[in-house]
Every structure is written in C-alpha cells, then in structure tokens.
N, C-alpha and C. Protein backbone atom coordinates (compact mmCIF):
# COMPACT_ATOMS: atom_id res chain seq x y z
N MET A 1 0.72 -0.93 0.36
CA MET A 1 -0.12 -0.06 -0.09
C MET A 1 0.95 1.45 -0.05
N LYS A 2 2.11 1.52 0.56
CA LYS A 2 2.94 2.09 0.84
C LYS A 2 3.39 2.77 -0.88
N LYS A 3 3.59 1.53 -1.24
CA LYS A 3 4.53 1.77 -2.69
C LYS A 3 3.72 2.41 -3.53
N ILE A 4 2.35 2.09 -3.42
CA ILE A 4 1.04 2.38 -4.28
C ILE A 4 1.08 4.42 -4.21
N LYS A 5 1.16 4.53 -2.87
CA LYS A 5 0.67 6.01 -2.36
C LYS A 5 2.42 6.88 -3.04
N TYR A 6 3.55 6.28 -2.66
CA TYR A 6 4.64 7.02 -3.37
C TYR A 6 4.36 6.71 -4.85
N LEU A 7 4.10 5.84 -5.39
CA LEU A 7 3.89 5.92 -6.66
C LEU A 7 3.56 7.23 -7.28
N ILE A 8 1.91 7.16 -7.07
CA ILE A 8 1.35 8.45 -7.18
C ILE A 8 1.63 9.67 -6.59
N LEU A 9 2.12 9.53 -5.60
CA LEU A 9 3.12 11.27 -5.21
C LEU A 9 4.41 11.77 -6.18
N ALA A 10 5.13 10.41 -6.62
CA ALA A 10 5.85 10.75 -7.35
C ALA A 10 5.33 11.50 -9.03
N ALA A 11 4.25 10.49 -9.31
CA ALA A 11 3.70 11.01 -10.55
C ALA A 11 2.85 12.20 -10.52
N SER A 12 2.61 12.48 -9.48
CA SER A 12 1.54 14.26 -9.09
C SER A 12 2.72 15.17 -9.14
N ILE A 13 4.05 14.50 -9.16
CA ILE A 13 5.09 15.65 -8.98
C ILE A 13 5.88 15.85 -10.13
N ILE A 14 5.91 14.77 -11.03
CA ILE A 14 6.54 14.42 -12.46
C ILE A 14 5.63 14.89 -13.61
N LEU A 15 4.49 14.24 -13.69
CA LEU A 15 3.96 14.88 -14.56
C LEU A 15 3.46 16.42 -14.73
N PRO A 16 3.34 17.03 -14.13
CA PRO A 16 2.95 18.60 -13.96
C PRO A 16 4.25 19.26 -14.91
N VAL A 17 5.57 18.92 -14.12
CA VAL A 17 7.17 19.40 -14.69
C VAL A 17 6.67 18.60 -16.28
N ALA A 18 6.63 17.43 -16.70
CA ALA A 18 6.54 17.34 -17.98
C ALA A 18 6.00 18.12 -18.91
N GLY A 19 4.97 18.71 -18.55
CA GLY A 19 3.60 18.98 -19.46
C GLY A 19 4.39 20.72 -19.49
N CYS A 20 5.72 21.02 -19.05
CA CYS A 20 5.80 22.57 -19.67
C CYS A 20 7.20 22.36 -20.37
N THR A 21 7.41 21.38 -21.20
CA THR A 21 8.24 20.66 -22.34
C THR A 21 8.55 22.16 -23.15
N ASN A 22 6.82 22.03 -23.59
CA ASN A 22 6.70 22.94 -24.81
C ASN A 22 6.22 24.46 -24.58
N MET A 23 6.51 24.72 -23.22
CA MET A 23 5.71 26.32 -23.33
C MET A 23 7.16 27.03 -23.62
N SER A 24 6.61 28.27 -23.74
CA SER A 24 7.53 29.21 -24.36
C SER A 24 8.54 29.88 -22.94
N LYS A 25 9.16 30.49 -23.41
CA LYS A 25 10.35 30.86 -22.36
C LYS A 25 9.77 31.93 -21.23
N THR A 26 8.83 32.61 -22.01
CA THR A 26 7.71 33.57 -20.89
C THR A 26 6.73 32.88 -20.15
N GLN A 27 5.89 31.71 -20.79
CA GLN A 27 5.14 31.22 -20.24
C GLN A 27 5.51 30.41 -19.02
N GLN A 28 7.04 29.73 -19.24
CA GLN A 28 7.59 28.70 -18.15
C GLN A 28 7.83 29.92 -17.06
N GLY A 29 8.17 31.24 -17.34
CA GLY A 29 8.50 32.15 -16.34
C GLY A 29 7.42 32.82 -15.61
N THR A 30 6.54 32.59 -16.12
CA THR A 30 5.09 32.94 -15.28
C THR A 30 4.61 31.94 -14.59
N VAL A 31 4.41 30.61 -15.00
CA VAL A 31 4.35 29.64 -14.08
C VAL A 31 5.24 29.11 -13.02
N SER A 32 6.46 29.55 -12.95
CA SER A 32 7.51 29.26 -12.05
C SER A 32 7.05 30.47 -11.25
N GLY A 33 7.49 31.82 -11.81
CA GLY A 33 6.89 33.06 -10.57
C GLY A 33 5.90 32.46 -10.03
N GLY A 34 4.54 31.95 -10.22
CA GLY A 34 3.40 31.85 -9.81
C GLY A 34 3.70 30.76 -8.51
N ALA A 35 4.38 29.81 -8.61
CA ALA A 35 4.69 28.58 -8.30
C ALA A 35 5.31 29.11 -6.82
N ILE A 36 6.42 29.64 -7.25
CA ILE A 36 7.41 30.41 -6.16
C ILE A 36 6.83 31.43 -5.32
N GLY A 37 5.78 32.29 -5.95
CA GLY A 37 5.23 33.16 -5.12
C GLY A 37 4.21 32.12 -4.41
N ALA A 38 3.34 31.48 -4.96
CA ALA A 38 2.05 31.01 -4.38
C ALA A 38 2.74 30.24 -2.64
N GLY A 39 4.18 29.66 -2.80
CA GLY A 39 4.53 28.89 -1.70
C GLY A 39 5.31 30.39 -0.92
N ALA A 40 5.69 30.89 -1.34
CA ALA A 40 6.17 32.36 -0.69
C ALA A 40 4.71 32.85 0.54
N GLY A 41 4.22 33.18 -0.69
CA GLY A 41 2.30 33.66 -0.04
C GLY A 41 1.79 32.73 1.31
N LEU A 42 1.99 31.46 0.95
CA LEU A 42 1.61 30.57 1.96
C LEU A 42 2.00 30.42 2.95
N GLY A 43 4.01 30.77 2.79
CA GLY A 43 4.38 30.56 4.27
C GLY A 43 4.36 32.15 5.06
N ILE A 44 4.42 33.05 4.78
CA ILE A 44 4.06 34.41 4.84
C ILE A 44 2.93 34.23 5.70
N ALA A 45 1.92 33.75 5.23
CA ALA A 45 0.02 34.61 5.65
C ALA A 45 0.09 33.12 7.22
N ALA A 46 0.87 31.54 7.09
CA ALA A 46 1.10 31.04 8.04
C ALA A 46 2.03 31.15 9.28
N ILE A 47 3.21 32.52 8.75
CA ILE A 47 3.37 32.78 9.80
C ILE A 47 2.75 33.78 10.74
N SER A 48 2.30 34.98 9.66
CA SER A 48 1.50 35.96 10.40
C SER A 48 0.47 35.56 10.98
N GLY A 49 -0.40 34.05 10.44
CA GLY A 49 -1.35 34.09 11.50
C GLY A 49 -2.25 34.42 10.57
N GLY A 50 -2.35 34.64 9.23
CA GLY A 50 -3.10 35.22 8.52
C GLY A 50 -4.35 33.82 7.57
N ASN A 51 -4.97 34.47 6.64
CA ASN A 51 -5.70 33.06 5.88
C ASN A 51 -5.01 32.61 4.74
N LEU A 52 -4.53 31.33 4.92
CA LEU A 52 -3.60 30.47 3.94
C LEU A 52 -3.84 30.58 2.66
N TRP A 53 -5.29 30.56 2.45
CA TRP A 53 -6.23 30.42 0.79
C TRP A 53 -5.54 32.17 0.12
N VAL A 54 -5.69 33.05 0.85
CA VAL A 54 -5.73 34.35 0.44
C VAL A 54 -4.05 34.72 0.60
N GLY A 55 -3.27 34.69 1.43
CA GLY A 55 -2.03 34.62 1.31
C GLY A 55 -1.21 33.71 0.10
N THR A 56 -2.21 32.29 -0.28
CA THR A 56 -1.56 31.32 -1.40
C THR A 56 -1.72 32.31 -2.91
N ALA A 57 -3.08 32.77 -2.96
CA ALA A 57 -3.87 33.20 -3.83
C ALA A 57 -2.69 34.37 -4.39
N VAL A 58 -2.69 35.48 -3.17
CA VAL A 58 -2.10 36.87 -3.67
C VAL A 58 -0.51 36.72 -3.82
N GLY A 59 -0.14 35.49 -3.33
CA GLY A 59 1.52 35.56 -3.26
C GLY A 59 1.54 34.79 -4.89
N ALA A 60 0.48 34.27 -5.68
CA ALA A 60 0.46 33.51 -6.86
C ALA A 60 0.61 34.32 -8.14
N GLY A 61 -0.64 35.13 -7.99
CA GLY A 61 -1.12 36.40 -8.37
C GLY A 61 0.49 37.18 -8.49
N ALA A 62 0.71 37.66 -7.73
CA ALA A 62 2.24 38.35 -7.61
C ALA A 62 3.64 37.75 -8.25
N GLY A 63 3.73 36.79 -8.32
CA GLY A 63 4.86 35.93 -8.39
C GLY A 63 4.21 35.55 -10.04
N ALA A 64 3.03 34.86 -10.40
CA ALA A 64 2.99 34.97 -11.49
C ALA A 64 3.11 36.26 -12.45
N LEU A 65 2.99 37.75 -11.95
CA LEU A 65 2.98 39.07 -12.68
C LEU A 65 4.69 39.38 -12.86
N THR A 66 5.01 38.52 -11.77
CA THR A 66 6.92 39.14 -11.60
C THR A 66 7.42 38.24 -12.78
N GLY A 67 7.00 36.65 -12.71
CA GLY A 67 7.80 36.04 -13.48
C GLY A 67 7.50 36.34 -14.75
N TYR A 68 6.16 36.83 -15.27
CA TYR A 68 5.74 37.20 -16.65
C TYR A 68 6.58 38.47 -17.09
N MET A 69 6.73 39.16 -16.03
CA MET A 69 7.44 40.69 -16.64
C MET A 69 9.21 40.65 -16.50
N ILE A 70 9.60 39.81 -15.88
CA ILE A 70 11.23 39.35 -15.73
C ILE A 70 11.47 38.62 -17.32
N SER A 71 10.40 37.85 -17.65
CA SER A 71 10.79 36.77 -18.65
C SER A 71 10.47 37.16 -20.21
N LYS A 72 9.59 38.48 -20.35
CA LYS A 72 9.65 39.41 -21.00
C LYS A 72 10.66 40.23 -21.45
C-alpha cells in the first residue's frame, strides 16, 4: 500500500513538470513565478497567522506577474 502512495506522489510531481516542455520562455517564467509566489505567500500567511488561501492566491498572482515581466 505504501508503494502505491509513493508512486502516486511521484507521478503527481513529475507529470506537471513534464507538461512544461513545450512552453515558451515567457510561459515557463510565468508558471515558475506563480509557483514560487504561491509558496512564499503561503509561508508568509502561515507565519503571520493570516488566511492561508488568501496568502497563497495573492502570492501566486504577484509571482506570476513578476515571472512574466522578468521573462519578457
């Protein structure tokens, strides 16, 4: 049973990354920025005691915008 859980976890990590191979540099920058921003927003919201969903959403939006602007 543990092997199945680890296989599902590995597939859920690998498959989204494999879908990024046909993206342009701008698209990859936007997605990467959004992912990094979401993680940062979640961490800041957790530390400050804020709403985790709002922190993640705001961080993802800001990160995606920043990633887009940098890659342009």
